[in-house]
């Protein structure tokens, strides 16, 4: 069997050749209207359909991605799609020392990650709250990001640090008071799970799988409404009680996701395949 966790190219080439293939579909960003990397969009649009038709079964990283996949490919049987979710980048908890002012946001600069509206929401905070806070963006340049970079440089209290090495990233996370991830669409939302493990209160959106992963352990906002994002930031920055509550809930929610659970779900899906006799030559 060929298990493909990151690409559809080899499963596409093996399709129809009688070789069992199991691909993982992380998201359907290539089929969304939001701007996306052109090369990735082209490859996924050309290969995904044939890949899933020829697959023994298909893994997704969330129930949300399963719904998106079945909606896009209506002939696909729901029984053939197995959500296996994901686990944390690192389950070792850091020692969190929130500085009471840092709003941290991590992600490649692009419209889908929604940094532009996050910056606008920060600028919309009450003056006294904005003056004692800072918004730190971490992530390399992506696509359609000129306005994001311009506004980050022009808005007082906003810092764009680009791509950081892991040690610097961990230090920032340890100091963060809020982790803001108001993305327009995610197949899973790994950064949310990472923030939960690190004990950092999360603000995220109600789109894609983000509400599914967050459960009731995050501040949920409308990612296309700047006022909604600003209200969420204000609520978190203004109340240590709210932050402490979300911090405790986040750590509990994080326990729902682990790589061992993903392996068990994958093996459960594998057990549904018919046994094949070894090929003779």
Protein backbone atom coordinates (compact mmCIF):
# COMPACT_ATOMS: atom_id res chain seq x y z
CA UNK A 1 0.00 0.00 0.00
CA UNK A 2 1.11 3.55 -0.72
CA UNK A 3 0.23 6.06 2.00
CA UNK A 4 0.59 9.67 0.91
CA UNK A 5 0.34 12.24 3.73
CA UNK A 6 1.33 15.34 1.76
CA UNK A 7 0.97 14.99 -2.02
CA UNK A 8 -1.49 13.76 -4.63
CA UNK A 9 1.03 13.34 -7.45
CA UNK A 10 2.13 9.74 -6.80
CA UNK A 11 -1.43 8.58 -5.93
CA UNK A 12 -2.56 10.22 -9.18
CA UNK A 13 0.05 8.27 -11.16
CA UNK A 14 -0.81 4.99 -9.39
CA UNK A 15 -4.56 5.40 -9.90
CA UNK A 16 -6.10 2.55 -11.88
CA UNK A 17 -3.01 0.34 -11.65
CA UNK A 18 -4.45 -2.02 -9.01
CA UNK A 19 -2.13 -0.75 -6.29
CA UNK A 20 -3.81 0.21 -2.97
CA UNK A 21 -3.37 3.92 -2.27
CA UNK A 22 -4.45 6.01 0.74
CA UNK A 23 -4.04 9.80 0.41
CA UNK A 24 -4.55 12.42 3.13
CA UNK A 25 -6.62 15.46 2.17
CA UNK A 26 -5.73 18.36 4.47
CA UNK A 27 -8.07 20.94 2.98
CA UNK A 28 -9.74 22.11 -0.21
CA UNK A 29 -8.07 25.51 -0.34
CA UNK A 30 -7.23 24.99 -4.02
CA UNK A 31 -10.97 24.94 -4.75
CA UNK A 32 -11.83 28.00 -2.64
CA UNK A 33 -12.36 31.50 -4.00
CA UNK A 34 -9.65 33.02 -1.76
CA UNK A 35 -6.29 33.78 -3.45
CA UNK A 36 -3.88 30.84 -3.17
CA UNK A 37 -0.47 29.84 -4.47
CA UNK A 38 -0.98 29.35 -8.22
CA UNK A 39 1.25 26.30 -8.61
CA UNK A 40 -0.29 24.45 -5.65
CA UNK A 41 -3.80 25.29 -6.85
CA UNK A 42 -3.09 23.94 -10.34
CA UNK A 43 -1.51 20.69 -9.11
CA UNK A 44 -4.30 19.92 -6.65
CA UNK A 45 -7.10 20.74 -9.06
CA UNK A 46 -5.55 18.49 -11.71
CA UNK A 47 -4.80 15.53 -9.45
CA UNK A 48 -7.29 15.35 -6.57
CA UNK A 49 -10.33 14.04 -8.46
CA UNK A 50 -8.58 11.06 -10.02
CA UNK A 51 -6.64 10.43 -6.81
CA UNK A 52 -9.70 10.00 -4.61
CA UNK A 53 -11.57 7.94 -7.24
CA UNK A 54 -8.71 5.44 -7.34
CA UNK A 55 -7.97 5.44 -3.61
CA UNK A 56 -8.68 2.50 -1.32
CA UNK A 57 -9.93 5.03 1.18
CA UNK A 58 -9.26 8.72 1.85
CA UNK A 59 -8.06 10.27 5.10
CA UNK A 60 -8.95 13.83 6.09
CA UNK A 61 -7.65 15.89 9.00
CA UNK A 62 -11.07 17.03 10.22
CA UNK A 63 -14.80 16.44 9.89
CA UNK A 64 -14.94 19.85 8.21
CA UNK A 65 -12.55 18.75 5.46
CA UNK A 66 -14.57 15.55 5.01
CA UNK A 67 -17.72 17.63 4.48
CA UNK A 68 -15.92 19.90 2.01
CA UNK A 69 -14.60 16.88 0.10
CA UNK A 70 -18.01 15.19 -0.13
CA UNK A 71 -19.61 18.44 -1.21
CA UNK A 72 -17.04 18.94 -3.95
CA UNK A 73 -17.07 15.31 -5.14
CA UNK A 74 -20.67 14.21 -4.68
CA UNK A 75 -20.07 10.73 -6.14
CA UNK A 76 -17.61 9.90 -3.34
CA UNK A 77 -19.06 7.56 -0.71
CA UNK A 78 -18.95 8.95 2.85
CA UNK A 79 -17.85 5.51 4.05
CA UNK A 80 -14.69 5.87 1.99
CA UNK A 81 -13.58 9.02 3.87
CA UNK A 82 -11.98 8.62 7.31
CA UNK A 83 -11.13 11.67 9.46
CA UNK A 84 -7.91 10.92 11.35
CA UNK A 85 -7.33 14.47 12.67
CA UNK A 86 -3.80 15.40 13.84
CA UNK A 87 -1.65 15.94 16.89
CA UNK A 88 0.42 18.84 18.20
CA UNK A 89 3.67 20.08 16.73
CA UNK A 90 5.18 19.54 20.17
CA UNK A 91 3.36 18.34 23.28
CA UNK A 92 6.08 19.53 25.68
CA UNK A 93 4.60 22.50 27.50
CA UNK A 94 6.68 25.65 27.67
CA UNK A 95 6.80 27.77 30.80
CA UNK A 96 4.39 30.55 29.93
CA UNK A 97 5.10 34.03 31.28
CA UNK A 98 2.54 36.25 29.52
CA UNK A 99 3.64 39.85 29.44
CA UNK A 100 0.09 41.23 29.46
CA UNK A 101 0.52 43.03 26.16
CA UNK A 102 1.55 40.73 23.29
CA UNK A 103 -0.98 39.53 20.72
CA UNK A 104 0.84 36.89 18.68
CA UNK A 105 -0.21 35.79 15.20
CA UNK A 106 1.69 33.17 13.19
CA UNK A 107 1.24 32.34 9.53
CA UNK A 108 2.46 33.04 6.01
CA UNK A 109 1.34 36.52 4.95
CA UNK A 110 -1.61 36.05 2.60
CA UNK A 111 -5.31 37.00 2.37
CA UNK A 112 -6.51 33.64 3.70
CA UNK A 113 -4.63 34.04 6.98
CA UNK A 114 -6.44 37.37 7.35
CA UNK A 115 -3.60 39.42 8.82
CA UNK A 116 -4.89 42.59 7.14
CA UNK A 117 -8.18 42.58 9.07
CA UNK A 118 -6.33 41.61 12.25
CA UNK A 119 -4.13 44.71 11.93
CA UNK A 120 -7.19 46.85 11.24
CA UNK A 121 -8.90 45.37 14.32
CA UNK A 122 -5.84 46.15 16.45
CA UNK A 123 -5.92 49.77 15.25
CA UNK A 124 -9.63 49.83 16.17
CA UNK A 125 -8.99 48.93 19.83
CA UNK A 126 -9.84 51.52 22.51
CA UNK A 127 -6.87 53.95 22.66
CA UNK A 128 -5.85 53.10 26.24
CA UNK A 129 -5.86 49.38 25.47
CA UNK A 130 -4.04 49.79 22.17
CA UNK A 131 -1.29 51.92 23.70
CA UNK A 132 -0.36 49.22 26.22
CA UNK A 133 -0.55 46.35 23.72
CA UNK A 134 1.38 45.16 20.70
CA UNK A 135 0.51 42.93 17.77
CA UNK A 136 3.37 40.69 16.64
CA UNK A 137 3.09 38.99 13.25
CA UNK A 138 5.39 36.05 12.55
CA UNK A 139 5.60 34.54 9.08
CA UNK A 140 7.32 34.83 5.73
CA UNK A 141 5.88 36.61 2.73
CA UNK A 142 3.32 34.68 0.70
CA UNK A 143 1.06 36.03 -2.02
CA UNK A 144 -1.15 39.11 -2.45
CA UNK A 145 0.51 40.43 0.71
CA UNK A 146 1.64 43.95 -0.24
CA UNK A 147 -1.20 45.61 1.65
CA UNK A 148 -0.50 43.46 4.72
CA UNK A 149 3.17 44.45 4.79
CA UNK A 150 2.36 48.13 4.18
CA UNK A 151 -0.26 48.31 6.94
CA UNK A 152 1.96 46.40 9.38
CA UNK A 153 4.71 48.95 8.86
CA UNK A 154 2.39 51.93 9.08
CA UNK A 155 0.33 50.93 12.13
CA UNK A 156 1.77 51.91 15.55
CA UNK A 157 2.12 48.95 17.89
CA UNK A 158 2.36 46.37 15.08
CA UNK A 159 5.57 44.40 14.51
CA UNK A 160 6.17 42.07 11.58
CA UNK A 161 9.12 39.78 12.34
CA UNK A 162 9.09 37.62 9.21
CA UNK A 163 10.20 34.00 9.46
CA UNK A 164 11.77 33.08 12.81
CA UNK A 165 13.90 30.18 13.99
CA UNK A 166 12.16 27.82 16.42
CA UNK A 167 13.92 29.17 19.52
CA UNK A 168 12.80 32.74 18.80
CA UNK A 169 9.30 31.51 18.02
CA UNK A 170 9.13 29.59 21.31
CA UNK A 171 10.29 32.67 23.24
CA UNK A 172 7.55 34.77 21.68
CA UNK A 173 4.94 32.14 22.49
CA UNK A 174 6.09 32.05 26.11
CA UNK A 175 5.51 35.81 26.40
CA UNK A 176 2.25 35.95 24.44
CA UNK A 177 -0.92 37.02 26.21
CA UNK A 178 -3.18 36.09 23.27
CA UNK A 179 -2.73 33.94 20.19
CA UNK A 180 -4.80 35.40 17.33
CA UNK A 181 -5.63 33.16 14.37
CA UNK A 182 -8.65 34.67 12.53
CA UNK A 183 -8.07 32.65 9.34
CA UNK A 184 -10.72 32.54 6.61
CA UNK A 185 -10.26 28.81 6.03
CA UNK A 186 -8.20 25.96 7.47
CA UNK A 187 -8.36 22.21 7.01
CA UNK A 188 -7.34 21.64 10.64
CA UNK A 189 -5.72 24.63 12.33
CA UNK A 190 -2.55 23.21 13.85
CA UNK A 191 -1.45 26.56 15.38
CA UNK A 192 -4.57 26.56 17.59
CA UNK A 193 -3.70 23.17 19.02
CA UNK A 194 -0.13 24.31 19.55
CA UNK A 195 -1.34 27.39 21.46
CA UNK A 196 -3.59 25.20 23.62
CA UNK A 197 -0.65 22.99 24.59
CA UNK A 198 1.38 26.09 25.40
CA UNK A 199 -1.35 27.50 27.63
CA UNK A 200 -2.01 30.62 25.53
CA UNK A 201 -5.62 31.89 25.20
CA UNK A 202 -6.81 31.74 21.59
CA UNK A 203 -8.88 34.01 19.37
CA UNK A 204 -9.95 32.35 16.16
CA UNK A 205 -12.66 32.35 13.51
CA UNK A 206 -15.83 30.39 12.90
CA UNK A 207 -14.71 29.16 9.48
CA UNK A 208 -13.53 25.80 8.17
CA UNK A 209 -12.38 23.41 10.87
CA UNK A 210 -11.33 26.10 13.35
CA UNK A 211 -14.47 26.01 15.49
CA UNK A 212 -14.27 22.19 15.42
CA UNK A 213 -10.69 22.13 16.71
CA UNK A 214 -11.24 24.98 19.19
CA UNK A 215 -14.34 23.43 20.73
CA UNK A 216 -15.55 25.81 23.43
CA UNK A 217 -12.00 26.71 24.42
CA UNK A 218 -11.41 29.83 22.30
CA UNK A 219 -12.85 33.26 21.62
CA UNK A 220 -14.70 32.83 18.29
CA UNK A 221 -15.09 35.81 15.95
CA UNK A 222 -16.39 36.59 12.47
CA UNK A 223 -13.13 36.80 10.46
CA UNK A 224 -14.63 39.09 7.82
CA UNK A 225 -15.85 41.62 10.38
CA UNK A 226 -13.14 43.91 11.75
CA UNK A 227 -15.39 45.04 14.60
CA UNK A 228 -15.96 41.41 15.65
CA UNK A 229 -12.21 40.73 15.73
CA UNK A 230 -11.61 43.97 17.68
CA UNK A 231 -14.34 43.06 20.19
CA UNK A 232 -12.74 39.65 20.74
CA UNK A 233 -9.31 41.18 21.28
CA UNK A 234 -10.78 43.74 23.68
CA UNK A 235 -12.54 41.06 25.73
CA UNK A 236 -9.37 38.99 26.07
CA UNK A 237 -7.00 41.88 26.76
CA UNK A 238 -9.35 43.45 29.32
CA UNK A 239 -10.05 40.42 31.51
CA UNK A 240 -7.58 38.09 33.18
CA UNK A 241 -10.55 36.00 34.31
CA UNK A 242 -11.56 35.35 30.68
CA UNK A 243 -7.96 34.54 29.74
CA UNK A 244 -7.49 32.15 32.66
CA UNK A 245 -10.74 30.37 31.81
CA UNK A 246 -9.75 29.90 28.16
CA UNK A 247 -6.25 28.81 29.15
CA UNK A 248 -7.66 25.99 31.32
CA UNK A 249 -10.23 24.98 28.69
CA UNK A 250 -7.58 25.02 25.96
CA UNK A 251 -5.33 22.60 27.80
CA UNK A 252 -8.28 20.25 28.28
CA UNK A 253 -9.34 20.55 24.63
CA UNK A 254 -5.80 19.80 23.46
CA UNK A 255 -6.01 16.36 25.05
CA UNK A 256 -8.68 15.43 22.49
CA UNK A 257 -6.02 15.41 19.75
CA UNK A 258 -2.91 13.24 19.63
CA UNK A 259 -0.83 11.43 17.03
CA UNK A 260 -1.57 8.10 18.71
CA UNK A 261 -5.28 8.76 18.18
CA UNK A 262 -4.59 9.57 14.53
CA UNK A 263 -2.72 6.27 14.12
CA UNK A 264 -5.58 4.34 15.73
CA UNK A 265 -8.13 5.97 13.41
CA UNK A 266 -5.93 5.26 10.38
CA UNK A 267 -5.55 1.59 11.35
CA UNK A 268 -9.31 1.38 11.90
CA UNK A 269 -9.84 2.61 8.35
CA UNK A 270 -7.21 0.19 7.08
CA UNK A 271 -8.98 -2.72 8.74
CA UNK A 272 -11.99 -2.18 6.46
CA UNK A 273 -9.97 -3.04 3.34
CA UNK A 274 -10.33 -6.56 1.90
CA UNK A 275 -7.29 -8.74 2.41
CA UNK A 276 -5.34 -9.51 -0.75
CA UNK A 277 -3.30 -12.58 -1.46
CA UNK A 278 0.37 -11.92 -2.27
CA UNK A 279 1.06 -11.48 -5.97
CA UNK A 280 2.87 -14.39 -7.67
CA UNK A 281 5.61 -13.85 -10.23
